[in-house]
N, C-alpha and C. Protein backbone atom coordinates (compact mmCIF):
# COMPACT_ATOMS: atom_id res chain seq x y z
N MET A 1 150.22 116.49 65.58
CA MET A 1 150.11 115.35 66.55
C MET A 1 151.13 115.44 68.24
N PRO A 2 150.60 114.96 68.96
CA PRO A 2 151.32 114.85 70.13
C PRO A 2 152.55 114.13 70.40
N LYS A 3 153.39 114.55 70.85
CA LYS A 3 154.55 113.34 71.09
C LYS A 3 154.11 112.43 72.04
N ILE A 4 154.58 111.68 72.11
CA ILE A 4 154.61 110.24 72.81
C ILE A 4 155.50 110.04 74.11
N GLY A 5 155.30 109.53 74.98
CA GLY A 5 156.33 109.24 76.09
C GLY A 5 155.93 107.60 76.61
N ALA A 6 157.10 107.23 77.31
CA ALA A 6 156.48 106.02 78.29
C ALA A 6 157.56 105.97 79.31
N VAL A 7 156.83 105.49 80.28
CA VAL A 7 157.51 105.36 81.72
C VAL A 7 157.21 104.10 82.37
N GLY A 8 158.15 103.20 82.90
CA GLY A 8 157.98 101.92 83.33
C GLY A 8 159.19 101.34 83.56
N TYR A 9 159.01 100.28 84.46
CA TYR A 9 160.08 99.20 84.77
C TYR A 9 160.24 97.93 84.11
N TRP A 10 161.26 97.67 83.24
CA TRP A 10 161.70 96.39 82.39
C TRP A 10 161.68 95.34 83.38
N TYR A 11 161.10 93.93 83.10
CA TYR A 11 160.94 92.98 84.15
C TYR A 11 160.15 93.06 85.39
N LYS A 12 159.27 94.21 85.46
CA LYS A 12 158.90 94.25 87.04
C LYS A 12 156.95 94.00 86.46
N GLY A 13 156.77 93.05 85.60
CA GLY A 13 155.26 92.56 85.62
C GLY A 13 154.98 93.54 84.58
N ASP A 14 153.84 93.84 85.25
CA ASP A 14 152.74 94.77 84.52
C ASP A 14 153.26 96.35 84.07
N TYR A 15 154.22 96.63 85.18
CA TYR A 15 154.84 98.02 84.91
C TYR A 15 155.78 98.14 83.76
N GLN A 16 155.92 97.22 83.21
CA GLN A 16 156.72 97.18 81.87
C GLN A 16 155.74 97.11 80.52
N ILE A 17 154.74 97.29 81.18
CA ILE A 17 153.40 97.28 79.69
C ILE A 17 153.81 99.12 78.80
N PRO A 18 153.70 99.83 79.31
CA PRO A 18 154.34 100.92 78.39
C PRO A 18 155.60 100.77 77.67
N LEU A 19 156.31 100.02 78.05
CA LEU A 19 157.57 100.05 77.55
C LEU A 19 157.38 98.98 76.21
N LEU A 20 156.87 97.82 76.58
CA LEU A 20 156.66 97.17 75.55
C LEU A 20 155.34 97.52 74.51
N VAL A 21 154.88 98.41 75.00
CA VAL A 21 154.03 99.11 73.83
C VAL A 21 154.79 99.97 73.17
N MET A 22 155.74 100.71 73.62
CA MET A 22 156.53 101.83 73.00
C MET A 22 157.33 100.72 71.80
N GLU A 23 157.87 99.78 72.38
CA GLU A 23 158.86 98.83 71.11
C GLU A 23 157.92 98.37 70.23
N GLU A 24 156.98 98.04 70.60
CA GLU A 24 155.83 97.64 69.33
C GLU A 24 155.54 98.77 68.15
N LEU A 25 155.50 99.87 69.13
CA LEU A 25 154.86 101.06 68.21
C LEU A 25 156.14 101.84 67.14
N ARG A 26 157.19 101.45 67.96
CA ARG A 26 158.65 101.69 67.44
C ARG A 26 158.86 101.13 66.10
N LYS A 27 158.32 99.76 66.21
CA LYS A 27 158.40 98.72 65.01
C LYS A 27 157.54 99.34 63.86
N GLU A 28 156.60 100.01 64.21
CA GLU A 28 155.74 100.52 63.29
C GLU A 28 155.85 101.83 62.81
N GLY A 29 157.01 102.53 63.56
CA GLY A 29 157.49 103.75 62.38
C GLY A 29 156.93 104.85 63.47
N VAL A 30 155.90 104.49 64.69
CA VAL A 30 155.91 105.80 65.36
C VAL A 30 156.82 105.91 66.47
N GLU A 31 157.10 107.09 66.50
CA GLU A 31 157.99 107.63 67.44
C GLU A 31 157.54 107.80 68.91
N VAL A 32 158.19 106.95 69.91
CA VAL A 32 158.13 107.13 71.24
C VAL A 32 159.15 107.49 72.27
N ILE A 33 159.07 108.14 73.30
CA ILE A 33 160.27 108.66 73.88
C ILE A 33 160.18 107.98 74.96
N ASP A 34 161.32 106.96 75.60
CA ASP A 34 161.45 106.45 76.78
C ASP A 34 162.12 107.38 77.99
N LEU A 35 161.06 107.52 78.45
CA LEU A 35 161.57 108.58 79.89
C LEU A 35 161.52 107.81 81.20
N SER A 36 162.00 106.52 81.04
CA SER A 36 162.46 105.63 82.23
C SER A 36 163.79 106.14 82.53
N LEU A 37 164.12 107.34 82.69
CA LEU A 37 165.68 107.98 83.43
C LEU A 37 165.69 107.89 84.76
N GLY A 38 164.59 107.97 85.40
CA GLY A 38 164.32 108.56 86.86
C GLY A 38 163.59 110.05 86.66
N ALA A 39 162.73 110.38 87.53
CA ALA A 39 162.02 111.63 87.72
C ALA A 39 163.03 112.74 87.16
N ILE A 40 163.94 112.88 87.73
CA ILE A 40 164.82 114.08 87.39
C ILE A 40 165.36 114.37 85.96
N LYS A 41 165.79 113.06 85.67
CA LYS A 41 166.11 112.92 84.15
C LYS A 41 165.38 113.25 83.15
N ALA A 42 164.15 112.64 83.37
CA ALA A 42 163.25 112.60 82.45
C ALA A 42 162.23 113.97 82.52
N SER A 43 162.35 114.82 83.54
CA SER A 43 161.78 116.08 83.52
C SER A 43 162.65 117.02 82.65
N THR A 44 164.28 117.01 83.13
CA THR A 44 165.01 117.65 82.37
C THR A 44 165.03 117.24 81.05
N PHE A 45 164.98 116.22 80.51
CA PHE A 45 164.90 116.08 79.11
C PHE A 45 163.59 116.58 78.40
N LEU A 46 162.34 116.42 79.32
CA LEU A 46 161.33 116.82 78.97
C LEU A 46 161.48 118.42 78.68
N SER A 47 162.00 119.25 79.34
CA SER A 47 162.34 120.57 79.39
C SER A 47 163.12 121.13 77.77
N GLU A 48 163.94 120.10 77.49
CA GLU A 48 164.46 120.39 76.12
C GLU A 48 163.61 120.29 75.22
N LEU A 49 162.52 119.59 75.31
CA LEU A 49 161.63 119.13 73.97
C LEU A 49 160.29 120.42 73.95
N ASN A 50 160.29 120.89 75.09
CA ASN A 50 159.25 122.54 75.12
C ASN A 50 158.09 122.14 74.44
N LEU A 51 157.48 121.13 74.98
CA LEU A 51 156.10 120.35 74.60
C LEU A 51 155.05 121.15 74.77
N SER A 52 153.83 121.27 74.09
CA SER A 52 152.78 121.78 74.64
C SER A 52 151.80 120.79 74.45
N SER A 53 151.51 119.51 73.70
CA SER A 53 150.86 118.42 73.48
C SER A 53 151.49 117.30 73.76
N PHE A 54 151.10 116.11 74.72
CA PHE A 54 152.02 115.14 75.30
C PHE A 54 150.90 114.10 75.61
N ILE A 55 151.24 112.51 75.52
CA ILE A 55 150.70 111.72 75.68
C ILE A 55 151.83 110.77 76.40
N LEU A 56 151.28 110.55 77.55
CA LEU A 56 152.28 109.46 78.42
C LEU A 56 151.52 108.32 78.71
N LEU A 57 152.37 107.23 78.47
CA LEU A 57 151.93 105.49 78.44
C LEU A 57 152.56 105.41 80.12
N ALA A 58 151.52 104.73 80.79
CA ALA A 58 152.04 104.36 82.00
C ALA A 58 151.29 103.24 82.75
N SER A 59 151.80 102.60 83.99
CA SER A 59 151.13 101.54 84.41
C SER A 59 151.54 101.84 86.09
N GLU A 60 150.37 101.62 86.79
CA GLU A 60 150.35 102.23 88.36
C GLU A 60 149.54 100.77 88.91
N LYS A 61 149.84 100.74 90.12
CA LYS A 61 148.89 99.85 91.03
C LYS A 61 148.00 100.73 92.02
N ARG A 62 146.83 100.93 91.32
CA ARG A 62 145.97 101.87 92.22
C ARG A 62 144.53 101.57 92.48
N GLY A 63 144.57 99.84 92.22
CA GLY A 63 143.24 99.07 92.86
C GLY A 63 142.34 98.84 92.29
N LYS A 64 142.27 99.34 91.11
CA LYS A 64 141.07 98.92 89.90
C LYS A 64 141.45 98.57 88.45
N LYS A 65 141.12 97.49 88.19
CA LYS A 65 141.55 96.70 86.93
C LYS A 65 140.75 97.28 86.14
N GLU A 66 141.87 98.46 85.34
CA GLU A 66 141.07 98.92 84.35
C GLU A 66 142.22 99.62 83.41
N LEU A 67 142.16 100.28 82.40
CA LEU A 67 142.77 101.22 81.48
C LEU A 67 142.11 102.54 81.84
N ARG A 68 143.22 103.42 82.56
CA ARG A 68 142.65 104.51 82.97
C ARG A 68 143.19 105.92 81.74
N ILE A 69 142.46 106.91 81.56
CA ILE A 69 142.80 107.93 80.64
C ILE A 69 142.36 109.12 81.37
N TYR A 70 143.55 109.99 81.85
CA TYR A 70 143.16 111.22 82.46
C TYR A 70 144.22 112.34 82.32
N LYS A 71 143.67 113.35 82.58
CA LYS A 71 144.42 114.57 82.87
C LYS A 71 145.00 114.87 84.26
N PRO A 72 146.30 114.89 84.46
CA PRO A 72 146.35 114.80 85.77
C PRO A 72 146.21 116.02 86.61
N GLU A 73 145.50 115.79 88.02
CA GLU A 73 145.16 116.61 88.74
C GLU A 73 146.20 117.09 89.97
N PHE A 74 146.48 118.15 90.52
CA PHE A 74 147.38 118.03 91.66
C PHE A 74 146.55 118.27 93.30
N GLU A 75 146.68 117.69 93.98
CA GLU A 75 145.70 118.00 95.36
C GLU A 75 147.04 118.72 96.03
N ASN A 76 147.78 118.75 96.02
CA ASN A 76 148.82 119.21 97.05
C ASN A 76 149.81 120.34 96.21
N SER A 77 150.35 121.29 96.96
CA SER A 77 151.21 122.82 96.34
C SER A 77 152.47 121.94 95.97
N ILE A 78 152.89 122.79 94.93
CA ILE A 78 154.44 122.49 94.63
C ILE A 78 155.47 122.21 95.31
N PHE A 79 155.23 122.93 96.67
CA PHE A 79 156.30 122.60 97.49
C PHE A 79 156.08 121.34 98.12
N SER A 80 154.80 121.10 98.58
CA SER A 80 154.52 119.48 99.22
C SER A 80 155.07 118.16 98.11
N ASP A 81 154.97 118.82 96.65
CA ASP A 81 155.29 117.88 95.85
C ASP A 81 156.85 117.52 95.82
N PHE A 82 157.38 118.83 96.13
CA PHE A 82 159.18 118.83 96.29
C PHE A 82 159.57 117.83 97.27
N LEU A 83 158.90 118.29 98.60
CA LEU A 83 159.11 117.61 99.98
C LEU A 83 159.03 116.25 99.85
N ASP A 84 157.99 115.48 99.43
CA ASP A 84 157.53 114.22 99.06
C ASP A 84 158.75 113.61 98.19
N ILE A 85 159.19 114.36 97.16
CA ILE A 85 160.27 113.84 96.19
C ILE A 85 161.41 113.77 97.01
N TYR A 86 161.83 114.65 97.78
CA TYR A 86 162.97 114.89 98.72
C TYR A 86 163.34 113.90 99.62
N THR A 87 162.19 114.17 100.73
CA THR A 87 162.03 113.02 101.46
C THR A 87 162.18 111.98 101.29
N ASN A 88 161.58 111.31 100.46
CA ASN A 88 161.44 109.84 100.18
C ASN A 88 162.15 109.32 99.20
N LEU A 89 163.15 110.34 98.43
CA LEU A 89 164.28 109.74 97.73
C LEU A 89 163.71 109.43 96.34
N LYS A 90 162.70 109.77 95.86
CA LYS A 90 161.50 109.47 94.68
C LYS A 90 162.64 110.20 93.55
N ALA A 91 163.18 110.99 93.33
CA ALA A 91 164.04 111.74 92.36
C ALA A 91 164.60 110.90 91.45
N TYR A 92 164.80 109.78 91.80
CA TYR A 92 165.69 108.65 90.88
C TYR A 92 164.48 107.55 90.44
N PHE A 93 163.40 107.43 90.77
CA PHE A 93 162.16 106.71 90.57
C PHE A 93 161.48 106.76 89.11
N MET A 94 161.39 105.84 88.49
CA MET A 94 160.56 105.79 87.03
C MET A 94 159.26 105.84 87.10
N ASP A 95 158.64 105.95 88.17
CA ASP A 95 156.74 105.67 88.15
C ASP A 95 156.41 106.77 87.70
N VAL A 96 155.02 106.67 87.25
CA VAL A 96 154.56 108.03 86.99
C VAL A 96 154.27 108.94 87.72
N ASP A 97 153.89 108.79 89.08
CA ASP A 97 153.45 109.55 90.10
C ASP A 97 154.81 110.92 90.26
N SER A 98 155.89 110.03 90.54
CA SER A 98 157.22 110.82 90.79
C SER A 98 157.51 111.63 89.44
N PHE A 99 157.40 111.01 88.31
CA PHE A 99 157.53 111.87 86.91
C PHE A 99 156.77 113.08 87.09
N LEU A 100 155.46 112.82 87.25
CA LEU A 100 154.62 113.91 87.51
C LEU A 100 154.89 115.24 88.15
N LYS A 101 154.98 114.72 89.29
CA LYS A 101 155.39 115.56 90.55
C LYS A 101 156.59 116.50 90.06
N MET A 102 157.77 115.96 89.44
CA MET A 102 158.96 116.28 89.25
C MET A 102 159.04 117.04 88.25
N ALA A 103 158.42 116.71 86.92
CA ALA A 103 157.85 118.14 85.94
C ALA A 103 156.93 119.05 86.60
N ARG A 104 156.00 118.71 87.38
CA ARG A 104 155.35 119.87 87.40
C ARG A 104 156.48 120.84 88.39
N ILE A 105 157.19 120.41 89.32
CA ILE A 105 158.15 121.05 90.08
C ILE A 105 158.98 122.05 89.20
N MET A 106 159.57 121.13 88.33
CA MET A 106 160.53 121.95 87.32
C MET A 106 159.90 122.83 86.17
N GLY A 107 158.33 122.86 85.99
CA GLY A 107 157.95 123.69 85.41
C GLY A 107 157.89 122.93 83.79
N THR A 108 158.14 121.85 83.49
CA THR A 108 158.33 121.56 82.07
C THR A 108 157.22 120.44 81.99
N LEU A 109 156.00 120.03 82.74
CA LEU A 109 154.64 119.53 82.51
C LEU A 109 154.15 120.14 81.36
N PRO A 110 153.98 119.49 79.99
CA PRO A 110 153.33 120.00 79.13
C PRO A 110 151.73 120.47 79.49
N SER A 111 151.53 121.72 78.63
CA SER A 111 150.06 122.02 79.34
C SER A 111 148.54 120.95 78.71
N ASP A 112 148.95 120.28 77.74
CA ASP A 112 147.88 119.43 76.99
C ASP A 112 148.53 118.09 77.53
N LEU A 113 148.13 117.23 78.32
CA LEU A 113 148.94 116.25 78.83
C LEU A 113 148.18 114.90 79.14
N THR A 114 148.30 114.13 78.71
CA THR A 114 147.04 113.14 78.32
C THR A 114 148.03 111.59 79.22
N VAL A 115 147.23 110.95 80.53
CA VAL A 115 148.22 110.26 80.77
C VAL A 115 147.14 108.49 80.30
N ILE A 116 147.76 107.61 79.89
CA ILE A 116 147.05 106.58 79.48
C ILE A 116 147.65 105.51 80.27
N GLU A 117 147.06 104.90 80.97
CA GLU A 117 147.81 104.17 82.24
C GLU A 117 146.98 102.85 82.61
N CYS A 118 147.85 101.56 82.35
CA CYS A 118 146.99 100.22 83.10
C CYS A 118 147.35 100.10 84.17
N GLU A 119 146.62 99.53 84.87
CA GLU A 119 146.60 98.63 86.05
C GLU A 119 147.33 97.59 86.13
N VAL A 120 148.12 97.88 87.60
CA VAL A 120 149.37 96.66 87.49
C VAL A 120 148.91 95.54 88.60
N ILE A 121 148.71 94.38 88.07
CA ILE A 121 148.06 93.09 88.64
C ILE A 121 149.51 92.61 89.26
N ASN A 122 150.29 92.34 88.53
CA ASN A 122 151.74 91.51 88.59
C ASN A 122 152.85 92.67 88.64
N GLU A 123 153.31 92.32 89.87
CA GLU A 123 154.35 93.39 90.32
C GLU A 123 155.66 92.75 89.89
N ASP A 124 155.61 91.69 89.41
CA ASP A 124 157.31 91.40 89.11
C ASP A 124 157.47 89.97 88.21
N GLY A 125 158.31 89.89 87.30
CA GLY A 125 158.44 89.05 86.18
C GLY A 125 157.98 89.38 85.14
N GLU A 126 157.03 88.64 84.56
CA GLU A 126 156.08 88.32 83.32
C GLU A 126 154.60 89.34 83.29
N LEU A 127 154.20 89.44 82.14
CA LEU A 127 153.11 90.35 82.41
C LEU A 127 151.90 89.05 82.89
N SER A 128 151.07 89.86 83.86
CA SER A 128 149.80 88.94 83.84
C SER A 128 148.71 88.93 82.46
N GLU A 129 148.07 87.75 82.93
CA GLU A 129 146.94 87.67 81.75
C GLU A 129 146.30 89.28 81.71
N TRP A 130 145.89 89.81 82.61
CA TRP A 130 145.05 91.19 82.38
C TRP A 130 146.33 92.30 81.77
N GLY A 131 147.81 92.08 82.21
CA GLY A 131 148.53 92.88 81.60
C GLY A 131 148.48 92.56 80.00
N LYS A 132 148.63 91.68 79.68
CA LYS A 132 148.61 91.26 78.36
C LYS A 132 147.38 92.02 77.40
N LEU A 133 146.41 92.03 78.21
CA LEU A 133 144.81 92.66 77.69
C LEU A 133 145.21 93.92 77.72
N CYS A 134 145.56 94.76 78.82
CA CYS A 134 145.71 95.90 78.77
C CYS A 134 146.51 96.84 78.04
N LYS A 135 147.59 95.67 77.64
CA LYS A 135 148.64 96.32 76.85
C LYS A 135 148.03 96.56 75.34
N GLU A 136 147.25 95.41 75.23
CA GLU A 136 146.70 95.94 73.77
C GLU A 136 145.35 96.90 73.76
N MET A 137 145.16 97.21 74.68
CA MET A 137 144.20 98.01 74.96
C MET A 137 144.61 99.56 75.05
N MET A 138 145.93 99.53 75.60
CA MET A 138 146.63 100.44 75.73
C MET A 138 146.95 101.21 74.19
N LYS A 139 147.35 100.27 73.61
CA LYS A 139 148.19 100.64 72.04
C LYS A 139 146.88 101.07 71.37
N GLU A 140 145.53 100.40 71.45
CA GLU A 140 144.51 100.51 70.23
C GLU A 140 144.07 102.30 70.69
N GLU A 141 144.12 102.48 71.93
CA GLU A 141 143.61 103.71 72.63
C GLU A 141 144.70 105.13 72.25
N LEU A 142 145.75 104.64 72.32
CA LEU A 142 147.08 105.42 71.74
C LEU A 142 146.55 105.94 70.01
N LEU A 143 146.62 104.69 69.71
CA LEU A 143 146.63 104.82 67.64
C LEU A 143 145.20 105.59 67.46
N LYS A 144 144.21 105.35 68.32
CA LYS A 144 143.09 106.31 67.99
C LYS A 144 143.30 107.78 68.02
N ARG A 145 144.39 108.20 69.09
CA ARG A 145 144.47 109.43 69.81
C ARG A 145 145.56 110.17 68.61
N ILE A 146 146.47 109.45 68.10
CA ILE A 146 147.18 110.08 67.17
C ILE A 146 146.89 109.74 65.42
């Protein structure tokens, strides 16, 4: 069974979806790692686990209201990713893109990584109606995979 991790922001609207799913799953006895530590810390922690198969729960604003399931692909070189993280001070961010770039830079990105990601509609406060629906969709999709 693959290990499961979640990255997000508490109290930031739909950005908290993965963390809410994490809490629900933990109550059901499913181990989920909270990687909302910032990109450097989370990537370093990931290296300690030495994983080959990993599912990451995330939410991001990308412009299309959907539950996305994907294997990350990188358009830029590792050096370009490093410059982006360094120049934009993203090393301490908890968003999925910063985390994936930093894990790639540090060589800790699992070879079999699947991201299950909800689209963010509301960026602050409570979940949107869409966020509530997407949270349930995310949980169902994850449970099918484990």
